[in-house]
Protein backbone atom coordinates (compact mmCIF):
# COMPACT_ATOMS: atom_id res chain seq x y z
CA UNK A 1 0.00 0.00 0.00
CA UNK A 2 2.83 2.37 0.90
CA UNK A 3 4.49 1.83 -2.49
CA UNK A 4 1.18 2.43 -4.26
CA UNK A 5 0.73 5.77 -2.50
CA UNK A 6 4.28 6.82 -3.33
CA UNK A 7 3.81 5.82 -6.98
CA UNK A 8 0.48 7.66 -7.24
CA UNK A 9 1.91 10.85 -5.77
CA UNK A 10 4.88 10.65 -8.10
CA UNK A 11 2.54 10.52 -11.07
CA UNK A 12 0.56 13.54 -9.89
CA UNK A 13 3.43 15.97 -9.47
CA UNK A 14 7.18 16.18 -9.69
CA UNK A 15 9.15 17.56 -6.79
CA UNK A 16 11.84 20.15 -7.36
CA UNK A 17 14.91 20.60 -5.23
CA UNK A 18 17.01 23.72 -5.78
CA UNK A 19 20.53 25.06 -5.15
CA UNK A 20 23.48 22.68 -4.97
CA UNK A 21 22.28 19.35 -3.71
CA UNK A 22 23.93 15.98 -3.22
CA UNK A 23 22.55 12.90 -4.95
CA UNK A 24 23.67 9.55 -3.50
CA UNK A 25 23.29 6.44 -5.65
CA UNK A 26 22.91 2.76 -4.76
CA UNK A 27 26.49 2.21 -6.00
CA UNK A 28 27.76 4.72 -3.44
CA UNK A 29 28.46 7.52 -5.92
CA UNK A 30 28.06 10.99 -4.44
CA UNK A 31 27.22 13.67 -7.01
CA UNK A 32 26.94 17.42 -6.48
CA UNK A 33 23.91 18.39 -8.56
CA UNK A 34 21.61 21.30 -9.39
CA UNK A 35 17.98 21.63 -10.52
CA UNK A 36 16.86 18.21 -9.30
CA UNK A 37 13.40 17.09 -10.39
CA UNK A 38 11.87 13.82 -9.28
CA UNK A 39 9.51 12.17 -11.75
CA UNK A 40 7.49 8.95 -11.53
CA UNK A 41 10.45 6.67 -12.28
CA UNK A 42 13.35 9.00 -13.06
CA UNK A 43 15.37 11.71 -11.31
CA UNK A 44 16.51 14.54 -13.58
CA UNK A 45 19.45 16.76 -12.60
CA UNK A 46 22.24 18.99 -13.87
CA UNK A 47 25.89 18.74 -12.84
CA UNK A 48 26.51 22.46 -13.49
CA UNK A 49 24.60 25.53 -12.36
CA UNK A 50 24.18 26.89 -15.88
CA UNK A 51 21.01 27.35 -17.90
CA UNK A 52 22.51 25.58 -20.91
CA UNK A 53 23.96 22.65 -18.94
CA UNK A 54 22.70 19.27 -20.12
CA UNK A 55 19.96 17.65 -18.06
CA UNK A 56 21.03 14.18 -16.98
CA UNK A 57 18.80 11.43 -15.66
CA UNK A 58 19.05 8.41 -13.42
CA UNK A 59 16.51 5.75 -12.50
CA UNK A 60 14.74 6.52 -9.26
CA UNK A 61 15.50 2.99 -8.04
CA UNK A 62 19.24 3.75 -8.38
CA UNK A 63 19.05 6.71 -5.96
CA UNK A 64 19.27 6.22 -2.20
CA UNK A 65 18.97 9.84 -1.08
CA UNK A 66 18.94 13.47 -2.14
CA UNK A 67 20.54 15.87 0.35
CA UNK A 68 19.48 19.48 -0.03
CA UNK A 69 21.97 22.31 0.38
CA UNK A 70 20.33 23.09 3.70
CA UNK A 71 21.66 19.72 4.93
CA UNK A 72 18.17 18.27 5.13
CA UNK A 73 18.09 14.77 3.66
CA UNK A 74 15.24 13.64 1.49
CA UNK A 75 14.33 10.00 1.13
CA UNK A 76 11.33 8.90 -0.90
CA UNK A 77 9.17 8.93 2.24
CA UNK A 78 10.01 12.59 3.02
CA UNK A 79 9.37 13.54 -0.59
CA UNK A 80 5.95 11.90 -0.33
CA UNK A 81 5.17 13.92 2.81
CA UNK A 82 6.27 17.11 1.03
CA UNK A 83 3.88 16.36 -1.86
CA UNK A 84 0.95 15.44 0.39
CA UNK A 85 1.31 18.25 2.95
CA UNK A 86 -0.77 21.39 2.43
CA UNK A 87 0.95 24.59 1.39
CA UNK A 88 1.94 26.69 4.35
PDB file of N, CA and C in Angstrom:
ATOM      1  N   UNK A   1       0.827  -1.192   0.000  1.00  0.00           N
ATOM      2  CA  UNK A   1       0.000   0.000   0.000  1.00  0.00           C
ATOM      3  C   UNK A   1       0.868   1.252   0.000  1.00  0.00           C
ATOM      4  N   UNK A   2       1.942   1.217   0.799  1.00  0.00           N
ATOM      5  CA  UNK A   2       2.829   2.370   0.896  1.00  0.00           C
ATOM      6  C   UNK A   2       3.454   2.682  -0.469  1.00  0.00           C
ATOM      7  N   UNK A   3       3.889   1.637  -1.171  1.00  0.00           N
ATOM      8  CA  UNK A   3       4.494   1.834  -2.490  1.00  0.00           C
ATOM      9  C   UNK A   3       3.475   2.382  -3.487  1.00  0.00           C
ATOM     10  N   UNK A   4       2.234   1.945  -3.368  1.00  0.00           N
ATOM     11  CA  UNK A   4       1.178   2.430  -4.263  1.00  0.00           C
ATOM     12  C   UNK A   4       0.938   3.922  -4.048  1.00  0.00           C
ATOM     13  N   UNK A   5       0.931   4.356  -2.801  1.00  0.00           N
ATOM     14  CA  UNK A   5       0.727   5.775  -2.499  1.00  0.00           C
ATOM     15  C   UNK A   5       1.892   6.598  -3.041  1.00  0.00           C
ATOM     16  N   UNK A   6       3.112   6.107  -2.833  1.00  0.00           N
ATOM     17  CA  UNK A   6       4.284   6.823  -3.334  1.00  0.00           C
ATOM     18  C   UNK A   6       4.242   6.919  -4.853  1.00  0.00           C
ATOM     19  N   UNK A   7       3.895   5.834  -5.516  1.00  0.00           N
ATOM     20  CA  UNK A   7       3.812   5.824  -6.976  1.00  0.00           C
ATOM     21  C   UNK A   7       2.735   6.790  -7.472  1.00  0.00           C
ATOM     22  N   UNK A   8       1.569   6.784  -6.826  1.00  0.00           N
ATOM     23  CA  UNK A   8       0.476   7.661  -7.241  1.00  0.00           C
ATOM     24  C   UNK A   8       0.851   9.136  -7.087  1.00  0.00           C
ATOM     25  N   UNK A   9       1.502   9.458  -5.986  1.00  0.00           N
ATOM     26  CA  UNK A   9       1.911  10.849  -5.765  1.00  0.00           C
ATOM     27  C   UNK A   9       2.977  11.269  -6.762  1.00  0.00           C
ATOM     28  N   UNK A  10       3.841  10.344  -7.119  1.00  0.00           N
ATOM     29  CA  UNK A  10       4.877  10.651  -8.104  1.00  0.00           C
ATOM     30  C   UNK A  10       4.269  10.953  -9.457  1.00  0.00           C
ATOM     31  N   UNK A  11       3.208  10.275  -9.789  1.00  0.00           N
ATOM     32  CA  UNK A  11       2.540  10.525 -11.065  1.00  0.00           C
ATOM     33  C   UNK A  11       1.843  11.882 -11.091  1.00  0.00           C
ATOM     34  N   UNK A  12       1.321  12.298  -9.946  1.00  0.00           N
ATOM     35  CA  UNK A  12       0.560  13.538  -9.891  1.00  0.00           C
ATOM     36  C   UNK A  12       1.425  14.776 -10.030  1.00  0.00           C
ATOM     37  N   UNK A  13       2.598  14.758  -9.426  1.00  0.00           N
ATOM     38  CA  UNK A  13       3.430  15.965  -9.469  1.00  0.00           C
ATOM     39  C   UNK A  13       4.881  15.627  -9.226  1.00  0.00           C
ATOM     40  N   UNK A  14       5.743  16.321  -9.941  1.00  0.00           N
ATOM     41  CA  UNK A  14       7.180  16.182  -9.693  1.00  0.00           C
ATOM     42  C   UNK A  14       7.565  17.084  -8.538  1.00  0.00           C
ATOM     43  N   UNK A  15       8.668  16.768  -7.907  1.00  0.00           N
ATOM     44  CA  UNK A  15       9.150  17.559  -6.792  1.00  0.00           C
ATOM     45  C   UNK A  15      10.468  18.186  -7.206  1.00  0.00           C
ATOM     46  N   UNK A  16      10.598  19.472  -6.996  1.00  0.00           N
ATOM     47  CA  UNK A  16      11.838  20.153  -7.356  1.00  0.00           C
ATOM     48  C   UNK A  16      12.678  20.439  -6.127  1.00  0.00           C
ATOM     49  N   UNK A  17      13.958  20.284  -6.273  1.00  0.00           N
ATOM     50  CA  UNK A  17      14.910  20.598  -5.229  1.00  0.00           C
ATOM     51  C   UNK A  17      15.876  21.593  -5.852  1.00  0.00           C
ATOM     52  N   UNK A  18      16.185  22.697  -5.149  1.00  0.00           N
ATOM     53  CA  UNK A  18      17.007  23.723  -5.778  1.00  0.00           C
ATOM     54  C   UNK A  18      18.338  23.896  -5.071  1.00  0.00           C
ATOM     55  N   UNK A  19      19.172  24.775  -5.621  1.00  0.00           N
ATOM     56  CA  UNK A  19      20.531  25.061  -5.149  1.00  0.00           C
ATOM     57  C   UNK A  19      21.424  23.854  -5.395  1.00  0.00           C
ATOM     58  N   UNK A  20      22.599  23.828  -4.784  1.00  0.00           N
ATOM     59  CA  UNK A  20      23.477  22.681  -4.974  1.00  0.00           C
ATOM     60  C   UNK A  20      23.086  21.604  -3.977  1.00  0.00           C
ATOM     61  N   UNK A  21      22.715  20.474  -4.513  1.00  0.00           N
ATOM     62  CA  UNK A  21      22.276  19.351  -3.711  1.00  0.00           C
ATOM     63  C   UNK A  21      23.248  18.198  -3.909  1.00  0.00           C
ATOM     64  N   UNK A  22      23.093  17.173  -3.105  1.00  0.00           N
ATOM     65  CA  UNK A  22      23.926  15.983  -3.224  1.00  0.00           C
ATOM     66  C   UNK A  22      23.008  14.807  -3.507  1.00  0.00           C
ATOM     67  N   UNK A  23      23.318  14.082  -4.556  1.00  0.00           N
ATOM     68  CA  UNK A  23      22.552  12.905  -4.945  1.00  0.00           C
ATOM     69  C   UNK A  23      23.426  11.687  -4.656  1.00  0.00           C
ATOM     70  N   UNK A  24      22.918  10.745  -3.870  1.00  0.00           N
ATOM     71  CA  UNK A  24      23.665   9.551  -3.504  1.00  0.00           C
ATOM     72  C   UNK A  24      23.009   8.342  -4.160  1.00  0.00           C
ATOM     73  N   UNK A  25      23.816   7.579  -4.907  1.00  0.00           N
ATOM     74  CA  UNK A  25      23.289   6.437  -5.652  1.00  0.00           C
ATOM     75  C   UNK A  25      23.467   5.134  -4.881  1.00  0.00           C
ATOM     76  N   UNK A  26      22.792   4.092  -5.353  1.00  0.00           N
ATOM     77  CA  UNK A  26      22.911   2.762  -4.762  1.00  0.00           C
ATOM     78  C   UNK A  26      24.350   2.256  -4.816  1.00  0.00           C
ATOM     79  N   UNK A  27      25.100   2.646  -5.853  1.00  0.00           N
ATOM     80  CA  UNK A  27      26.486   2.211  -6.003  1.00  0.00           C
ATOM     81  C   UNK A  27      27.429   2.943  -5.052  1.00  0.00           C
ATOM     82  N   UNK A  28      26.937   3.958  -4.357  1.00  0.00           N
ATOM     83  CA  UNK A  28      27.761   4.723  -3.442  1.00  0.00           C
ATOM     84  C   UNK A  28      28.347   5.979  -4.044  1.00  0.00           C
ATOM     85  N   UNK A  29      27.988   6.289  -5.286  1.00  0.00           N
ATOM     86  CA  UNK A  29      28.459   7.518  -5.918  1.00  0.00           C
ATOM     87  C   UNK A  29      27.793   8.720  -5.254  1.00  0.00           C
ATOM     88  N   UNK A  30      28.570   9.742  -5.013  1.00  0.00           N
ATOM     89  CA  UNK A  30      28.064  10.987  -4.443  1.00  0.00           C
ATOM     90  C   UNK A  30      28.259  12.066  -5.490  1.00  0.00           C
ATOM     91  N   UNK A  31      27.155  12.675  -5.942  1.00  0.00           N
ATOM     92  CA  UNK A  31      27.218  13.672  -7.005  1.00  0.00           C
ATOM     93  C   UNK A  31      26.687  15.005  -6.501  1.00  0.00           C
ATOM     94  N   UNK A  32      27.433  16.073  -6.740  1.00  0.00           N
ATOM     95  CA  UNK A  32      26.939  17.424  -6.482  1.00  0.00           C
ATOM     96  C   UNK A  32      26.123  17.833  -7.682  1.00  0.00           C
ATOM     97  N   UNK A  33      24.838  18.142  -7.454  1.00  0.00           N
ATOM     98  CA  UNK A  33      23.915  18.386  -8.562  1.00  0.00           C
ATOM     99  C   UNK A  33      23.094  19.653  -8.335  1.00  0.00           C
ATOM    100  N   UNK A  34      22.478  20.121  -9.399  1.00  0.00           N
ATOM    101  CA  UNK A  34      21.610  21.300  -9.395  1.00  0.00           C
ATOM    102  C   UNK A  34      20.301  20.962 -10.096  1.00  0.00           C
ATOM    103  N   UNK A  35      19.279  21.739  -9.838  1.00  0.00           N
ATOM    104  CA  UNK A  35      17.982  21.626 -10.522  1.00  0.00           C
ATOM    105  C   UNK A  35      17.464  20.198 -10.546  1.00  0.00           C
ATOM    106  N   UNK A  36      17.346  19.590  -9.397  1.00  0.00           N
ATOM    107  CA  UNK A  36      16.861  18.213  -9.297  1.00  0.00           C
ATOM    108  C   UNK A  36      15.347  18.196  -9.419  1.00  0.00           C
ATOM    109  N   UNK A  37      14.844  17.313 -10.259  1.00  0.00           N
ATOM    110  CA  UNK A  37      13.403  17.094 -10.388  1.00  0.00           C
ATOM    111  C   UNK A  37      13.147  15.602 -10.311  1.00  0.00           C
ATOM    112  N   UNK A  38      12.200  15.222  -9.460  1.00  0.00           N
ATOM    113  CA  UNK A  38      11.874  13.819  -9.277  1.00  0.00           C
ATOM    114  C   UNK A  38      10.581  13.515 -10.026  1.00  0.00           C
ATOM    115  N   UNK A  39      10.674  12.594 -10.988  1.00  0.00           N
ATOM    116  CA  UNK A  39       9.515  12.169 -11.750  1.00  0.00           C
ATOM    117  C   UNK A  39       9.021  10.823 -11.252  1.00  0.00           C
ATOM    118  N   UNK A  40       8.065  10.225 -11.946  1.00  0.00           N
ATOM    119  CA  UNK A  40       7.493   8.950 -11.526  1.00  0.00           C
ATOM    120  C   UNK A  40       8.519   7.824 -11.416  1.00  0.00           C
ATOM    121  N   UNK A  41       9.465   7.756 -12.320  1.00  0.00           N
ATOM    122  CA  UNK A  41      10.449   6.670 -12.278  1.00  0.00           C
ATOM    123  C   UNK A  41      11.872   7.141 -12.517  1.00  0.00           C
ATOM    124  N   UNK A  42      12.044   8.451 -12.696  1.00  0.00           N
ATOM    125  CA  UNK A  42      13.350   8.998 -13.055  1.00  0.00           C
ATOM    126  C   UNK A  42      13.641  10.263 -12.256  1.00  0.00           C
ATOM    127  N   UNK A  43      14.921  10.469 -11.937  1.00  0.00           N
ATOM    128  CA  UNK A  43      15.368  11.707 -11.307  1.00  0.00           C
ATOM    129  C   UNK A  43      16.196  12.461 -12.347  1.00  0.00           C
ATOM    130  N   UNK A  44      15.814  13.690 -12.624  1.00  0.00           N
ATOM    131  CA  UNK A  44      16.514  14.541 -13.585  1.00  0.00           C
ATOM    132  C   UNK A  44      17.357  15.549 -12.813  1.00  0.00           C
ATOM    133  N   UNK A  45      18.566  15.819 -13.301  1.00  0.00           N
ATOM    134  CA  UNK A  45      19.447  16.756 -12.605  1.00  0.00           C
ATOM    135  C   UNK A  45      20.475  17.330 -13.570  1.00  0.00           C
ATOM    136  N   UNK A  46      21.134  18.385 -13.119  1.00  0.00           N
ATOM    137  CA  UNK A  46      22.240  18.986 -13.866  1.00  0.00           C
ATOM    138  C   UNK A  46      23.478  18.947 -12.987  1.00  0.00           C
ATOM    139  N   UNK A  47      24.641  18.763 -13.602  1.00  0.00           N
ATOM    140  CA  UNK A  47      25.886  18.745 -12.840  1.00  0.00           C
ATOM    141  C   UNK A  47      26.537  20.118 -12.765  1.00  0.00           C
ATOM    142  N   UNK A  48      26.010  21.095 -13.515  1.00  0.00           N
ATOM    143  CA  UNK A  48      26.515  22.463 -13.489  1.00  0.00           C
ATOM    144  C   UNK A  48      25.360  23.417 -13.258  1.00  0.00           C
ATOM    145  N   UNK A  49      25.633  24.532 -12.628  1.00  0.00           N
ATOM    146  CA  UNK A  49      24.600  25.528 -12.358  1.00  0.00           C
ATOM    147  C   UNK A  49      24.538  26.541 -13.508  1.00  0.00           C
ATOM    148  N   UNK A  50      24.292  26.048 -14.691  1.00  0.00           N
ATOM    149  CA  UNK A  50      24.183  26.891 -15.878  1.00  0.00           C
ATOM    150  C   UNK A  50      22.881  26.555 -16.598  1.00  0.00           C
ATOM    151  N   UNK A  51      22.276  27.564 -17.200  1.00  0.00           N
ATOM    152  CA  UNK A  51      21.015  27.346 -17.900  1.00  0.00           C
ATOM    153  C   UNK A  51      21.169  26.392 -19.080  1.00  0.00           C
ATOM    154  N   UNK A  52      22.326  26.430 -19.739  1.00  0.00           N
ATOM    155  CA  UNK A  52      22.514  25.583 -20.912  1.00  0.00           C
ATOM    156  C   UNK A  52      23.198  24.243 -20.596  1.00  0.00           C
ATOM    157  N   UNK A  53      23.360  23.928 -19.324  1.00  0.00           N
ATOM    158  CA  UNK A  53      23.964  22.647 -18.940  1.00  0.00           C
ATOM    159  C   UNK A  53      23.021  21.507 -19.307  1.00  0.00           C
ATOM    160  N   UNK A  54      23.565  20.383 -19.747  1.00  0.00           N
ATOM    161  CA  UNK A  54      22.698  19.268 -20.122  1.00  0.00           C
ATOM    162  C   UNK A  54      21.982  18.696 -18.903  1.00  0.00           C
ATOM    163  N   UNK A  55      20.726  18.302 -19.115  1.00  0.00           N
ATOM    164  CA  UNK A  55      19.962  17.652 -18.063  1.00  0.00           C
ATOM    165  C   UNK A  55      20.233  16.161 -18.144  1.00  0.00           C
ATOM    166  N   UNK A  56      20.720  15.608 -17.054  1.00  0.00           N
ATOM    167  CA  UNK A  56      21.027  14.183 -16.985  1.00  0.00           C
ATOM    168  C   UNK A  56      19.900  13.477 -16.247  1.00  0.00           C
ATOM    169  N   UNK A  57      19.844  12.158 -16.364  1.00  0.00           N
ATOM    170  CA  UNK A  57      18.796  11.428 -15.658  1.00  0.00           C
ATOM    171  C   UNK A  57      19.353  10.130 -15.107  1.00  0.00           C
ATOM    172  N   UNK A  58      18.694   9.667 -14.060  1.00  0.00           N
ATOM    173  CA  UNK A  58      19.046   8.410 -13.423  1.00  0.00           C
ATOM    174  C   UNK A  58      17.749   7.762 -12.957  1.00  0.00           C
ATOM    175  N   UNK A  59      17.710   6.443 -12.968  1.00  0.00           N
ATOM    176  CA  UNK A  59      16.510   5.751 -12.502  1.00  0.00           C
ATOM    177  C   UNK A  59      16.315   6.033 -11.024  1.00  0.00           C
ATOM    178  N   UNK A  60      15.073   6.231 -10.644  1.00  0.00           N
ATOM    179  CA  UNK A  60      14.743   6.525  -9.260  1.00  0.00           C
ATOM    180  C   UNK A  60      15.196   5.382  -8.342  1.00  0.00           C
ATOM    181  N   UNK A  61      15.111   4.157  -8.833  1.00  0.00           N
ATOM    182  CA  UNK A  61      15.504   2.993  -8.045  1.00  0.00           C
ATOM    183  C   UNK A  61      17.003   2.976  -7.761  1.00  0.00           C
ATOM    184  N   UNK A  62      17.789   3.703  -8.562  1.00  0.00           N
ATOM    185  CA  UNK A  62      19.236   3.751  -8.377  1.00  0.00           C
ATOM    186  C   UNK A  62      19.680   4.846  -7.416  1.00  0.00           C
ATOM    187  N   UNK A  63      18.733   5.604  -6.866  1.00  0.00           N
ATOM    188  CA  UNK A  63      19.054   6.713  -5.957  1.00  0.00           C
ATOM    189  C   UNK A  63      18.646   6.334  -4.544  1.00  0.00           C
ATOM    190  N   UNK A  64      19.585   6.485  -3.616  1.00  0.00           N
ATOM    191  CA  UNK A  64      19.274   6.224  -2.200  1.00  0.00           C
ATOM    192  C   UNK A  64      18.696   7.469  -1.549  1.00  0.00           C
ATOM    193  N   UNK A  65      19.345   8.627  -1.805  1.00  0.00           N
ATOM    194  CA  UNK A  65      18.971   9.836  -1.079  1.00  0.00           C
ATOM    195  C   UNK A  65      19.359  11.081  -1.866  1.00  0.00           C
ATOM    196  N   UNK A  66      18.606  12.151  -1.632  1.00  0.00           N
ATOM    197  CA  UNK A  66      18.943  13.472  -2.139  1.00  0.00           C
ATOM    198  C   UNK A  66      19.115  14.361  -0.918  1.00  0.00           C
ATOM    199  N   UNK A  67      20.289  14.947  -0.756  1.00  0.00           N
ATOM    200  CA  UNK A  67      20.542  15.870   0.353  1.00  0.00           C
ATOM    201  C   UNK A  67      20.479  17.284  -0.195  1.00  0.00           C
ATOM    202  N   UNK A  68      19.592  18.091   0.378  1.00  0.00           N
ATOM    203  CA  UNK A  68      19.483  19.478  -0.029  1.00  0.00           C
ATOM    204  C   UNK A  68      20.657  20.275   0.519  1.00  0.00           C
ATOM    205  N   UNK A  69      20.881  21.421  -0.054  1.00  0.00           N
ATOM    206  CA  UNK A  69      21.966  22.306   0.379  1.00  0.00           C
ATOM    207  C   UNK A  69      21.818  22.692   1.847  1.00  0.00           C
ATOM    208  N   UNK A  70      20.593  22.719   2.316  1.00  0.00           N
ATOM    209  CA  UNK A  70      20.325  23.087   3.704  1.00  0.00           C
ATOM    210  C   UNK A  70      20.629  21.944   4.667  1.00  0.00           C
ATOM    211  N   UNK A  71      21.244  20.890   4.173  1.00  0.00           N
ATOM    212  CA  UNK A  71      21.663  19.718   4.930  1.00  0.00           C
ATOM    213  C   UNK A  71      20.485  18.831   5.326  1.00  0.00           C
ATOM    214  N   UNK A  72      19.316  19.141   4.875  1.00  0.00           N
ATOM    215  CA  UNK A  72      18.172  18.275   5.126  1.00  0.00           C
ATOM    216  C   UNK A  72      18.206  17.144   4.104  1.00  0.00           C
ATOM    217  N   UNK A  73      18.073  15.925   4.552  1.00  0.00           N
ATOM    218  CA  UNK A  73      18.087  14.766   3.662  1.00  0.00           C
ATOM    219  C   UNK A  73      16.672  14.423   3.242  1.00  0.00           C
ATOM    220  N   UNK A  74      16.546  14.022   1.991  1.00  0.00           N
ATOM    221  CA  UNK A  74      15.239  13.643   1.486  1.00  0.00           C
ATOM    222  C   UNK A  74      15.285  12.206   0.987  1.00  0.00           C
ATOM    223  N   UNK A  75      14.527  11.344   1.635  1.00  0.00           N
ATOM    224  CA  UNK A  75      14.332   9.997   1.127  1.00  0.00           C
ATOM    225  C   UNK A  75      12.975  10.009   0.434  1.00  0.00           C
ATOM    226  N   UNK A  76      12.607   8.916  -0.178  1.00  0.00           N
ATOM    227  CA  UNK A  76      11.331   8.900  -0.903  1.00  0.00           C
ATOM    228  C   UNK A  76      10.150   9.126   0.032  1.00  0.00           C
ATOM    229  N   UNK A  77      10.253   8.715   1.296  1.00  0.00           N
ATOM    230  CA  UNK A  77       9.165   8.933   2.243  1.00  0.00           C
ATOM    231  C   UNK A  77       9.005  10.421   2.565  1.00  0.00           C
ATOM    232  N   UNK A  78      10.120  11.157   2.721  1.00  0.00           N
ATOM    233  CA  UNK A  78      10.005  12.586   3.025  1.00  0.00           C
ATOM    234  C   UNK A  78       9.524  13.368   1.810  1.00  0.00           C
ATOM    235  N   UNK A  79       9.878  12.905   0.625  1.00  0.00           N
ATOM    236  CA  UNK A  79       9.372  13.544  -0.589  1.00  0.00           C
ATOM    237  C   UNK A  79       7.866  13.354  -0.665  1.00  0.00           C
ATOM    238  N   UNK A  80       7.383  12.178  -0.323  1.00  0.00           N
ATOM    239  CA  UNK A  80       5.950  11.904  -0.330  1.00  0.00           C
ATOM    240  C   UNK A  80       5.232  12.840   0.640  1.00  0.00           C
ATOM    241  N   UNK A  81       5.786  13.019   1.826  1.00  0.00           N
ATOM    242  CA  UNK A  81       5.172  13.923   2.811  1.00  0.00           C
ATOM    243  C   UNK A  81       5.145  15.357   2.288  1.00  0.00           C
ATOM    244  N   UNK A  82       6.196  15.768   1.583  1.00  0.00           N
ATOM    245  CA  UNK A  82       6.266  17.112   1.028  1.00  0.00           C
ATOM    246  C   UNK A  82       5.175  17.315  -0.020  1.00  0.00           C
ATOM    247  N   UNK A  83       4.909  16.277  -0.819  1.00  0.00           N
ATOM    248  CA  UNK A  83       3.878  16.360  -1.862  1.00  0.00           C
ATOM    249  C   UNK A  83       2.496  16.380  -1.249  1.00  0.00           C
ATOM    250  N   UNK A  84       2.281  15.573  -0.207  1.00  0.00           N
ATOM    251  CA  UNK A  84       0.950  15.442   0.388  1.00  0.00           C
ATOM    252  C   UNK A  84       0.592  16.556   1.355  1.00  0.00           C
ATOM    253  N   UNK A  85       1.593  17.231   1.943  1.00  0.00           N
ATOM    254  CA  UNK A  85       1.308  18.250   2.947  1.00  0.00           C
ATOM    255  C   UNK A  85       0.726  19.497   2.297  1.00  0.00           C
ATOM    256  N   UNK A  86      -0.199  20.159   2.974  1.00  0.00           N
ATOM    257  CA  UNK A  86      -0.774  21.385   2.428  1.00  0.00           C
ATOM    258  C   UNK A  86       0.252  22.506   2.392  1.00  0.00           C
ATOM    259  N   UNK A  87       0.056  23.437   1.483  1.00  0.00           N
ATOM    260  CA  UNK A  87       0.955  24.586   1.391  1.00  0.00           C
ATOM    261  C   UNK A  87       0.833  25.431   2.637  1.00  0.00           C
ATOM    262  N   UNK A  88       1.960  25.890   3.118  1.00  0.00           N
ATOM    263  CA  UNK A  88       1.945  26.687   4.353  1.00  0.00           C
ATOM    264  C   UNK A  88       2.314  28.113   4.051  1.00  0.00           C
TER     265      UNK A  88
END
